Amino acid sequence: MRTTILARMVLTACLVLSICLSQAYCDEVWRTEFEEACARTADVMTLSDNELKALIGKCERLQKVIEQQDETARKVYLKRLQMCKNLYVYILEAKNSEKTQK
């Protein structure tokens, strides 16, 4: 199962990179990815460990893309992305801590 998730992530990354030949389309892609990554904060407590790890990974990949944007977009989206990632990390750690205590 872990290999399947990793394979899907690699294929998705390759697809996104191959599509990003046009800067305008690439801007749309990373913004869509950003919205998808941060949209799950409302239901964060219902996510599995694997889903949380995947979202954290997506946030880390998006950070690299956002760092290459213009200053205004970079400041706004990096801050928002960091807040989403911090929430996912916190919940993952809390769930793991809870499992260890049981």
PDB file of N, CA and C in Angstrom:
ATOM      1  N   MET A   1       0.828  -1.184   0.000  1.00  0.00           N
ATOM      2  CA  MET A   1       0.000   0.000   0.000  1.00  0.00           C
ATOM      3  C   MET A   1       0.876   1.253   0.000  1.00  0.00           C
ATOM      4  N   ARG A   2       1.951   1.219   0.765  1.00  0.00           N
ATOM      5  CA  ARG A   2       2.852   2.364   0.832  1.00  0.00           C
ATOM      6  C   ARG A   2       3.479   2.626  -0.536  1.00  0.00           C
ATOM      7  N   THR A   3       3.813   1.548  -1.240  1.00  0.00           N
ATOM      8  CA  THR A   3       4.390   1.674  -2.575  1.00  0.00           C
ATOM      9  C   THR A   3       3.373   2.277  -3.537  1.00  0.00           C
ATOM     10  N   THR A   4       2.116   1.874  -3.413  1.00  0.00           N
ATOM     11  CA  THR A   4       1.068   2.402  -4.272  1.00  0.00           C
ATOM     12  C   THR A   4       0.903   3.901  -4.068  1.00  0.00           C
ATOM     13  N   ILE A   5       0.888   4.337  -2.824  1.00  0.00           N
ATOM     14  CA  ILE A   5       0.756   5.766  -2.528  1.00  0.00           C
ATOM     15  C   ILE A   5       1.954   6.518  -3.074  1.00  0.00           C
ATOM     16  N   LEU A   6       3.137   5.973  -2.867  1.00  0.00           N
ATOM     17  CA  LEU A   6       4.354   6.618  -3.360  1.00  0.00           C
ATOM     18  C   LEU A   6       4.343   6.680  -4.885  1.00  0.00           C
ATOM     19  N   ALA A   7       3.912   5.607  -5.521  1.00  0.00           N
ATOM     20  CA  ALA A   7       3.845   5.582  -6.982  1.00  0.00           C
ATOM     21  C   ALA A   7       2.858   6.623  -7.501  1.00  0.00           C
ATOM     22  N   ARG A   8       1.721   6.744  -6.836  1.00  0.00           N
ATOM     23  CA  ARG A   8       0.741   7.755  -7.235  1.00  0.00           C
ATOM     24  C   ARG A   8       1.310   9.157  -7.073  1.00  0.00           C
ATOM     25  N   MET A   9       2.017   9.377  -5.979  1.00  0.00           N
ATOM     26  CA  MET A   9       2.595  10.698  -5.732  1.00  0.00           C
ATOM     27  C   MET A   9       3.637  11.034  -6.794  1.00  0.00           C
ATOM     28  N   VAL A  10       4.463  10.058  -7.154  1.00  0.00           N
ATOM     29  CA  VAL A  10       5.492  10.273  -8.172  1.00  0.00           C
ATOM     30  C   VAL A  10       4.847  10.552  -9.523  1.00  0.00           C
ATOM     31  N   LEU A  11       3.839   9.775  -9.872  1.00  0.00           N
ATOM     32  CA  LEU A  11       3.148   9.992 -11.142  1.00  0.00           C
ATOM     33  C   LEU A  11       2.477  11.360 -11.180  1.00  0.00           C
ATOM     34  N   THR A  12       1.865  11.750 -10.075  1.00  0.00           N
ATOM     35  CA  THR A  12       1.234  13.068 -10.002  1.00  0.00           C
ATOM     36  C   THR A  12       2.268  14.169 -10.157  1.00  0.00           C
ATOM     37  N   ALA A  13       3.402  14.022  -9.484  1.00  0.00           N
ATOM     38  CA  ALA A  13       4.465  15.028  -9.582  1.00  0.00           C
ATOM     39  C   ALA A  13       4.983  15.127 -11.016  1.00  0.00           C
ATOM     40  N   CYS A  14       5.179  13.984 -11.672  1.00  0.00           N
ATOM     41  CA  CYS A  14       5.645  13.989 -13.065  1.00  0.00           C
ATOM     42  C   CYS A  14       4.624  14.655 -13.976  1.00  0.00           C
ATOM     43  N   LEU A  15       3.366  14.365 -13.746  1.00  0.00           N
ATOM     44  CA  LEU A  15       2.313  14.966 -14.555  1.00  0.00           C
ATOM     45  C   LEU A  15       2.289  16.480 -14.382  1.00  0.00           C
ATOM     46  N   VAL A  16       2.367  16.933 -13.155  1.00  0.00           N
ATOM     47  CA  VAL A  16       2.358  18.377 -12.888  1.00  0.00           C
ATOM     48  C   VAL A  16       3.566  19.042 -13.532  1.00  0.00           C
ATOM     49  N   LEU A  17       4.729  18.431 -13.411  1.00  0.00           N
ATOM     50  CA  LEU A  17       5.932  19.016 -14.002  1.00  0.00           C
ATOM     51  C   LEU A  17       5.853  19.074 -15.523  1.00  0.00           C
ATOM     52  N   SER A  18       5.319  18.033 -16.133  1.00  0.00           N
ATOM     53  CA  SER A  18       5.229  18.029 -17.595  1.00  0.00           C
ATOM     54  C   SER A  18       4.211  19.042 -18.105  1.00  0.00           C
ATOM     55  N   ILE A  19       3.187  19.290 -17.347  1.00  0.00           N
ATOM     56  CA  ILE A  19       2.158  20.250 -17.747  1.00  0.00           C
ATOM     57  C   ILE A  19       2.623  21.686 -17.541  1.00  0.00           C
ATOM     58  N   CYS A  20       3.551  21.894 -16.640  1.00  0.00           N
ATOM     59  CA  CYS A  20       3.978  23.247 -16.261  1.00  0.00           C
ATOM     60  C   CYS A  20       4.908  23.905 -17.273  1.00  0.00           C
ATOM     61  N   LEU A  21       4.801  23.564 -18.523  1.00  0.00           N
ATOM     62  CA  LEU A  21       5.627  24.203 -19.537  1.00  0.00           C
ATOM     63  C   LEU A  21       5.214  25.657 -19.741  1.00  0.00           C
ATOM     64  N   SER A  22       3.977  25.938 -19.584  1.00  0.00           N
ATOM     65  CA  SER A  22       3.473  27.302 -19.718  1.00  0.00           C
ATOM     66  C   SER A  22       3.383  27.929 -18.333  1.00  0.00           C
ATOM     67  N   GLN A  23       3.973  29.109 -18.150  1.00  0.00           N
ATOM     68  CA  GLN A  23       3.981  29.761 -16.838  1.00  0.00           C
ATOM     69  C   GLN A  23       2.566  30.059 -16.353  1.00  0.00           C
ATOM     70  N   ALA A  24       1.711  30.514 -17.246  1.00  0.00           N
ATOM     71  CA  ALA A  24       0.339  30.836 -16.854  1.00  0.00           C
ATOM     72  C   ALA A  24      -0.382  29.593 -16.360  1.00  0.00           C
ATOM     73  N   TYR A  25      -0.222  28.485 -17.071  1.00  0.00           N
ATOM     74  CA  TYR A  25      -0.878  27.253 -16.650  1.00  0.00           C
ATOM     75  C   TYR A  25      -0.268  26.742 -15.357  1.00  0.00           C
ATOM     76  N   CYS A  26       1.027  26.900 -15.212  1.00  0.00           N
ATOM     77  CA  CYS A  26       1.711  26.458 -13.999  1.00  0.00           C
ATOM     78  C   CYS A  26       1.202  27.236 -12.790  1.00  0.00           C
ATOM     79  N   ASP A  27       0.979  28.545 -12.957  1.00  0.00           N
ATOM     80  CA  ASP A  27       0.421  29.340 -11.865  1.00  0.00           C
ATOM     81  C   ASP A  27      -0.921  28.776 -11.433  1.00  0.00           C
ATOM     82  N   GLU A  28      -1.744  28.424 -12.404  1.00  0.00           N
ATOM     83  CA  GLU A  28      -3.055  27.863 -12.103  1.00  0.00           C
ATOM     84  C   GLU A  28      -2.916  26.519 -11.388  1.00  0.00           C
ATOM     85  N   VAL A  29      -1.965  25.710 -11.800  1.00  0.00           N
ATOM     86  CA  VAL A  29      -1.769  24.390 -11.204  1.00  0.00           C
ATOM     87  C   VAL A  29      -1.370  24.510  -9.737  1.00  0.00           C
ATOM     88  N   TRP A  30      -0.373  25.346  -9.435  1.00  0.00           N
ATOM     89  CA  TRP A  30       0.057  25.411  -8.039  1.00  0.00           C
ATOM     90  C   TRP A  30      -1.009  26.021  -7.153  1.00  0.00           C
ATOM     91  N   ARG A  31      -1.791  26.953  -7.688  1.00  0.00           N
ATOM     92  CA  ARG A  31      -2.874  27.534  -6.880  1.00  0.00           C
ATOM     93  C   ARG A  31      -3.967  26.500  -6.619  1.00  0.00           C
ATOM     94  N   THR A  32      -4.249  25.676  -7.605  1.00  0.00           N
ATOM     95  CA  THR A  32      -5.221  24.600  -7.413  1.00  0.00           C
ATOM     96  C   THR A  32      -4.702  23.603  -6.383  1.00  0.00           C
ATOM     97  N   GLU A  33      -3.433  23.234  -6.494  1.00  0.00           N
ATOM     98  CA  GLU A  33      -2.817  22.326  -5.521  1.00  0.00           C
ATOM     99  C   GLU A  33      -2.851  22.939  -4.121  1.00  0.00           C
ATOM    100  N   PHE A  34      -2.583  24.230  -4.046  1.00  0.00           N
ATOM    101  CA  PHE A  34      -2.612  24.932  -2.766  1.00  0.00           C
ATOM    102  C   PHE A  34      -4.004  24.842  -2.142  1.00  0.00           C
ATOM    103  N   GLU A  35      -5.022  25.142  -2.935  1.00  0.00           N
ATOM    104  CA  GLU A  35      -6.400  25.094  -2.433  1.00  0.00           C
ATOM    105  C   GLU A  35      -6.767  23.684  -1.978  1.00  0.00           C
ATOM    106  N   GLU A  36      -6.336  22.677  -2.724  1.00  0.00           N
ATOM    107  CA  GLU A  36      -6.611  21.291  -2.340  1.00  0.00           C
ATOM    108  C   GLU A  36      -5.900  20.934  -1.042  1.00  0.00           C
ATOM    109  N   ALA A  37      -4.673  21.380  -0.889  1.00  0.00           N
ATOM    110  CA  ALA A  37      -3.891  21.052   0.306  1.00  0.00           C
ATOM    111  C   ALA A  37      -4.481  21.698   1.550  1.00  0.00           C
ATOM    112  N   CYS A  38      -4.882  22.948   1.443  1.00  0.00           N
ATOM    113  CA  CYS A  38      -5.383  23.664   2.621  1.00  0.00           C
ATOM    114  C   CYS A  38      -6.881  23.480   2.843  1.00  0.00           C
ATOM    115  N   ALA A  39      -7.573  22.887   1.903  1.00  0.00           N
ATOM    116  CA  ALA A  39      -9.019  22.693   2.044  1.00  0.00           C
ATOM    117  C   ALA A  39      -9.362  21.652   3.101  1.00  0.00           C
ATOM    118  N   ARG A  40      -8.427  20.813   3.456  1.00  0.00           N
ATOM    119  CA  ARG A  40      -8.702  19.714   4.386  1.00  0.00           C
ATOM    120  C   ARG A  40      -8.565  20.115   5.855  1.00  0.00           C
ATOM    121  N   THR A  41      -8.254  21.368   6.138  1.00  0.00           N
ATOM    122  CA  THR A  41      -8.064  21.787   7.531  1.00  0.00           C
ATOM    123  C   THR A  41      -9.360  21.705   8.328  1.00  0.00           C
ATOM    124  N   ALA A  42     -10.498  21.857   7.682  1.00  0.00           N
ATOM    125  CA  ALA A  42     -11.779  21.816   8.387  1.00  0.00           C
ATOM    126  C   ALA A  42     -12.089  20.421   8.929  1.00  0.00           C
ATOM    127  N   ASP A  43     -11.664  19.389   8.223  1.00  0.00           N
ATOM    128  CA  ASP A  43     -11.948  18.018   8.656  1.00  0.00           C
ATOM    129  C   ASP A  43     -10.676  17.274   9.057  1.00  0.00           C
ATOM    130  N   VAL A  44      -9.720  18.010   9.581  1.00  0.00           N
ATOM    131  CA  VAL A  44      -8.401  17.454   9.887  1.00  0.00           C
ATOM    132  C   VAL A  44      -8.457  16.306  10.897  1.00  0.00           C
ATOM    133  N   MET A  45      -9.379  16.350  11.832  1.00  0.00           N
ATOM    134  CA  MET A  45      -9.448  15.307  12.862  1.00  0.00           C
ATOM    135  C   MET A  45      -9.932  13.968  12.311  1.00  0.00           C
ATOM    136  N   THR A  46     -10.563  13.972  11.167  1.00  0.00           N
ATOM    137  CA  THR A  46     -11.070  12.724  10.592  1.00  0.00           C
ATOM    138  C   THR A  46     -10.076  12.075   9.636  1.00  0.00           C
ATOM    139  N   LEU A  47      -8.948  12.729   9.385  1.00  0.00           N
ATOM    140  CA  LEU A  47      -7.967  12.212   8.432  1.00  0.00           C
ATOM    141  C   LEU A  47      -7.107  11.121   9.059  1.00  0.00           C
ATOM    142  N   SER A  48      -6.743  10.148   8.252  1.00  0.00           N
ATOM    143  CA  SER A  48      -5.852   9.079   8.718  1.00  0.00           C
ATOM    144  C   SER A  48      -4.416   9.591   8.751  1.00  0.00           C
ATOM    145  N   ASP A  49      -3.545   8.818   9.385  1.00  0.00           N
ATOM    146  CA  ASP A  49      -2.129   9.187   9.438  1.00  0.00           C
ATOM    147  C   ASP A  49      -1.546   9.314   8.032  1.00  0.00           C
ATOM    148  N   ASN A  50      -1.894   8.375   7.156  1.00  0.00           N
ATOM    149  CA  ASN A  50      -1.378   8.414   5.780  1.00  0.00           C
ATOM    150  C   ASN A  50      -1.861   9.649   5.032  1.00  0.00           C
ATOM    151  N   GLU A  51      -3.115  10.013   5.234  1.00  0.00           N
ATOM    152  CA  GLU A  51      -3.638  11.217   4.580  1.00  0.00           C
ATOM    153  C   GLU A  51      -2.924  12.464   5.094  1.00  0.00           C
ATOM    154  N   LEU A  52      -2.681  12.517   6.403  1.00  0.00           N
ATOM    155  CA  LEU A  52      -1.966  13.659   6.981  1.00  0.00           C
ATOM    156  C   LEU A  52      -0.544  13.738   6.438  1.00  0.00           C
ATOM    157  N   LYS A  53       0.126  12.597   6.357  1.00  0.00           N
ATOM    158  CA  LYS A  53       1.493  12.579   5.824  1.00  0.00           C
ATOM    159  C   LYS A  53       1.516  13.027   4.362  1.00  0.00           C
ATOM    160  N   ALA A  54       0.523  12.595   3.592  1.00  0.00           N
ATOM    161  CA  ALA A  54       0.448  13.001   2.183  1.00  0.00           C
ATOM    162  C   ALA A  54       0.226  14.509   2.063  1.00  0.00           C
ATOM    163  N   LEU A  55      -0.623  15.055   2.919  1.00  0.00           N
ATOM    164  CA  LEU A  55      -0.870  16.499   2.890  1.00  0.00           C
ATOM    165  C   LEU A  55       0.365  17.287   3.318  1.00  0.00           C
ATOM    166  N   ILE A  56       1.088  16.781   4.300  1.00  0.00           N
ATOM    167  CA  ILE A  56       2.332  17.436   4.731  1.00  0.00           C
ATOM    168  C   ILE A  56       3.336  17.425   3.582  1.00  0.00           C
ATOM    169  N   GLY A  57       3.448  16.298   2.894  1.00  0.00           N
ATOM    170  CA  GLY A  57       4.338  16.205   1.737  1.00  0.00           C
ATOM    171  C   GLY A  57       3.932  17.158   0.629  1.00  0.00           C
ATOM    172  N   LYS A  58       2.629  17.260   0.387  1.00  0.00           N
ATOM    173  CA  LYS A  58       2.134  18.182  -0.635  1.00  0.00           C
ATOM    174  C   LYS A  58       2.477  19.623  -0.254  1.00  0.00           C
ATOM    175  N   CYS A  59       2.340  19.954   1.021  1.00  0.00           N
ATOM    176  CA  CYS A  59       2.689  21.304   1.489  1.00  0.00           C
ATOM    177  C   CYS A  59       4.175  21.582   1.274  1.00  0.00           C
ATOM    178  N   GLU A  60       5.013  20.596   1.540  1.00  0.00           N
ATOM    179  CA  GLU A  60       6.458  20.784   1.362  1.00  0.00           C
ATOM    180  C   GLU A  60       6.814  20.984  -0.112  1.00  0.00           C
ATOM    181  N   ARG A  61       6.165  20.241  -1.003  1.00  0.00           N
ATOM    182  CA  ARG A  61       6.418  20.411  -2.436  1.00  0.00           C
ATOM    183  C   ARG A  61       5.912  21.769  -2.925  1.00  0.00           C
ATOM    184  N   LEU A  62       4.754  22.169  -2.444  1.00  0.00           N
ATOM    185  CA  LEU A  62       4.190  23.458  -2.837  1.00  0.00           C
ATOM    186  C   LEU A  62       5.045  24.621  -2.355  1.00  0.00           C
ATOM    187  N   GLN A  63       5.665  24.456  -1.205  1.00  0.00           N
ATOM    188  CA  GLN A  63       6.505  25.524  -0.665  1.00  0.00           C
ATOM    189  C   GLN A  63       7.604  25.888  -1.655  1.00  0.00           C
ATOM    190  N   LYS A  64       8.208  24.882  -2.269  1.00  0.00           N
ATOM    191  CA  LYS A  64       9.281  25.126  -3.238  1.00  0.00           C
ATOM    192  C   LYS A  64       8.769  25.895  -4.454  1.00  0.00           C
ATOM    193  N   VAL A  65       7.564  25.594  -4.888  1.00  0.00           N
ATOM    194  CA  VAL A  65       6.981  26.279  -6.043  1.00  0.00           C
ATOM    195  C   VAL A  65       6.613  27.718  -5.681  1.00  0.00           C
ATOM    196  N   ILE A  66       6.013  27.886  -4.521  1.00  0.00           N
ATOM    197  CA  ILE A  66       5.574  29.222  -4.104  1.00  0.00           C
ATOM    198  C   ILE A  66       6.767  30.143  -3.869  1.00  0.00           C
ATOM    199  N   GLU A  67       7.874  29.596  -3.404  1.00  0.00           N
ATOM    200  CA  GLU A  67       9.064  30.415  -3.165  1.00  0.00           C
ATOM    201  C   GLU A  67       9.586  31.061  -4.447  1.00  0.00           C
ATOM    202  N   GLN A  68       9.186  30.557  -5.600  1.00  0.00           N
ATOM    203  CA  GLN A  68       9.632  31.097  -6.884  1.00  0.00           C
ATOM    204  C   GLN A  68       8.671  32.141  -7.455  1.00  0.00           C
ATOM    205  N   GLN A  69       7.579  32.419  -6.754  1.00  0.00           N
ATOM    206  CA  GLN A  69       6.586  33.376  -7.248  1.00  0.00           C
ATOM    207  C   GLN A  69       6.996  34.807  -6.898  1.00  0.00           C
ATOM    208  N   ASP A  70       6.223  35.776  -7.399  1.00  0.00           N
ATOM    209  CA  ASP A  70       6.523  37.178  -7.091  1.00  0.00           C
ATOM    210  C   ASP A  70       6.353  37.432  -5.587  1.00  0.00           C
ATOM    211  N   GLU A  71       6.908  38.536  -5.127  1.00  0.00           N
ATOM    212  CA  GLU A  71       7.008  38.798  -3.689  1.00  0.00           C
ATOM    213  C   GLU A  71       5.658  38.778  -2.968  1.00  0.00           C
ATOM    214  N   THR A  72       4.656  39.413  -3.533  1.00  0.00           N
ATOM    215  CA  THR A  72       3.352  39.486  -2.870  1.00  0.00           C
ATOM    216  C   THR A  72       2.735  38.104  -2.722  1.00  0.00           C
ATOM    217  N   ALA A  73       2.678  37.361  -3.812  1.00  0.00           N
ATOM    218  CA  ALA A  73       2.113  36.008  -3.766  1.00  0.00           C
ATOM    219  C   ALA A  73       2.925  35.131  -2.827  1.00  0.00           C
ATOM    220  N   ARG A  74       4.239  35.271  -2.885  1.00  0.00           N
ATOM    221  CA  ARG A  74       5.121  34.470  -2.036  1.00  0.00           C
ATOM    222  C   ARG A  74       4.808  34.708  -0.564  1.00  0.00           C
ATOM    223  N   LYS A  75       4.712  35.952  -0.148  1.00  0.00           N
ATOM    224  CA  LYS A  75       4.454  36.261   1.264  1.00  0.00           C
ATOM    225  C   LYS A  75       3.110  35.717   1.727  1.00  0.00           C
ATOM    226  N   VAL A  76       2.084  35.978   0.949  1.00  0.00           N
ATOM    227  CA  VAL A  76       0.733  35.575   1.341  1.00  0.00           C
ATOM    228  C   VAL A  76       0.579  34.062   1.356  1.00  0.00           C
ATOM    229  N   TYR A  77       0.941  33.417   0.256  1.00  0.00           N
ATOM    230  CA  TYR A  77       0.701  31.982   0.138  1.00  0.00           C
ATOM    231  C   TYR A  77       1.646  31.155   1.002  1.00  0.00           C
ATOM    232  N   LEU A  78       2.874  31.602   1.190  1.00  0.00           N
ATOM    233  CA  LEU A  78       3.783  30.857   2.071  1.00  0.00           C
ATOM    234  C   LEU A  78       3.283  30.872   3.506  1.00  0.00           C
ATOM    235  N   LYS A  79       2.776  32.008   3.959  1.00  0.00           N
ATOM    236  CA  LYS A  79       2.251  32.103   5.327  1.00  0.00           C
ATOM    237  C   LYS A  79       1.046  31.184   5.493  1.00  0.00           C
ATOM    238  N   ARG A  80       0.132  31.243   4.550  1.00  0.00           N
ATOM    239  CA  ARG A  80      -1.059  30.390   4.626  1.00  0.00           C
ATOM    240  C   ARG A  80      -0.688  28.913   4.544  1.00  0.00           C
ATOM    241  N   LEU A  81       0.239  28.580   3.656  1.00  0.00           N
ATOM    242  CA  LEU A  81       0.669  27.195   3.503  1.00  0.00           C
ATOM    243  C   LEU A  81       1.333  26.693   4.777  1.00  0.00           C
ATOM    244  N   GLN A  82       2.166  27.521   5.393  1.00  0.00           N
ATOM    245  CA  GLN A  82       2.849  27.132   6.625  1.00  0.00           C
ATOM    246  C   GLN A  82       1.841  26.874   7.745  1.00  0.00           C
ATOM    247  N   MET A  83       0.791  27.686   7.808  1.00  0.00           N
ATOM    248  CA  MET A  83      -0.240  27.479   8.828  1.00  0.00           C
ATOM    249  C   MET A  83      -0.964  26.150   8.609  1.00  0.00           C
ATOM    250  N   CYS A  84      -1.278  25.823   7.370  1.00  0.00           N
ATOM    251  CA  CYS A  84      -1.924  24.540   7.058  1.00  0.00           C
ATOM    252  C   CYS A  84      -1.009  23.381   7.434  1.00  0.00           C
ATOM    253  N   LYS A  85       0.247  23.475   7.015  1.00  0.00           N
ATOM    254  CA  LYS A  85       1.210  22.408   7.294  1.00  0.00           C
ATOM    255  C   LYS A  85       1.398  22.226   8.797  1.00  0.00           C
ATOM    256  N   ASN A  86       1.516  23.329   9.532  1.00  0.00           N
ATOM    257  CA  ASN A  86       1.689  23.249  10.984  1.00  0.00           C
ATOM    258  C   ASN A  86       0.513  22.542  11.644  1.00  0.00           C
ATOM    259  N   LEU A  87      -0.697  22.807  11.169  1.00  0.00           N
ATOM    260  CA  LEU A  87      -1.874  22.141  11.713  1.00  0.00           C
ATOM    261  C   LEU A  87      -1.810  20.640  11.447  1.00  0.00           C
ATOM    262  N   TYR A  88      -1.471  20.253  10.217  1.00  0.00           N
ATOM    263  CA  TYR A  88      -1.381  18.830   9.880  1.00  0.00           C
ATOM    264  C   TYR A  88      -0.311  18.128  10.720  1.00  0.00           C
ATOM    265  N   VAL A  89       0.827  18.774  10.891  1.00  0.00           N
ATOM    266  CA  VAL A  89       1.913  18.190  11.688  1.00  0.00           C
ATOM    267  C   VAL A  89       1.470  18.043  13.138  1.00  0.00           C
ATOM    268  N   TYR A  90       0.835  19.061  13.674  1.00  0.00           N
ATOM    269  CA  TYR A  90       0.380  19.034  15.066  1.00  0.00           C
ATOM    270  C   TYR A  90      -0.613  17.894  15.294  1.00  0.00           C
ATOM    271  N   ILE A  91      -1.584  17.758  14.407  1.00  0.00           N
ATOM    272  CA  ILE A  91      -2.590  16.704  14.556  1.00  0.00           C
ATOM    273  C   ILE A  91      -1.949  15.331  14.411  1.00  0.00           C
ATOM    274  N   LEU A  92      -1.036  15.168  13.468  1.00  0.00           N
ATOM    275  CA  LEU A  92      -0.348  13.887  13.294  1.00  0.00           C
ATOM    276  C   LEU A  92       0.430  13.523  14.553  1.00  0.00           C
ATOM    277  N   GLU A  93       1.156  14.483  15.102  1.00  0.00           N
ATOM    278  CA  GLU A  93       1.913  14.233  16.332  1.00  0.00           C
ATOM    279  C   GLU A  93       0.984  13.925  17.496  1.00  0.00           C
ATOM    280  N   ALA A  94      -0.129  14.621  17.593  1.00  0.00           N
ATOM    281  CA  ALA A  94      -1.087  14.376  18.673  1.00  0.00           C
ATOM    282  C   ALA A  94      -1.685  12.976  18.560  1.00  0.00           C
ATOM    283  N   LYS A  95      -2.017  12.569  17.345  1.00  0.00           N
ATOM    284  CA  LYS A  95      -2.573  11.228  17.151  1.00  0.00           C
ATOM    285  C   LYS A  95      -1.540  10.159  17.498  1.00  0.00           C
ATOM    286  N   ASN A  96      -0.299  10.360  17.084  1.00  0.00           N
ATOM    287  CA  ASN A  96       0.752   9.394  17.394  1.00  0.00           C
ATOM    288  C   ASN A  96       1.030   9.350  18.888  1.00  0.00           C
ATOM    289  N   SER A  97       0.995  10.486  19.543  1.00  0.00           N
ATOM    290  CA  SER A  97       1.201  10.548  20.988  1.00  0.00           C
ATOM    291  C   SER A  97       0.075   9.819  21.715  1.00  0.00           C
ATOM    292  N   GLU A  98      -1.132   9.996  21.226  1.00  0.00           N
ATOM    293  CA  GLU A  98      -2.292   9.339  21.815  1.00  0.00           C
ATOM    294  C   GLU A  98      -2.184   7.821  21.673  1.00  0.00           C
ATOM    295  N   LYS A  99      -1.711   7.359  20.514  1.00  0.00           N
ATOM    296  CA  LYS A  99      -1.543   5.922  20.290  1.00  0.00           C
ATOM    297  C   LYS A  99      -0.481   5.345  21.212  1.00  0.00           C
ATOM    298  N   THR A 100       0.584   6.107  21.452  1.00  0.00           N
ATOM    299  CA  THR A 100       1.676   5.628  22.302  1.00  0.00           C
ATOM    300  C   THR A 100       1.227   5.506  23.749  1.00  0.00           C
ATOM    301  N   GLN A 101       0.352   6.388  24.181  1.00  0.00           N
ATOM    302  CA  GLN A 101      -0.104   6.372  25.565  1.00  0.00           C
ATOM    303  C   GLN A 101      -1.053   5.220  25.838  1.00  0.00           C
ATOM    304  N   LYS A 102      -1.690   4.702  24.809  1.00  0.00           N
ATOM    305  CA  LYS A 102      -2.653   3.602  25.004  1.00  0.00           C
ATOM    306  C   LYS A 102      -1.982   2.301  25.148  1.00  0.00           C
TER     307      LYS A 102
END
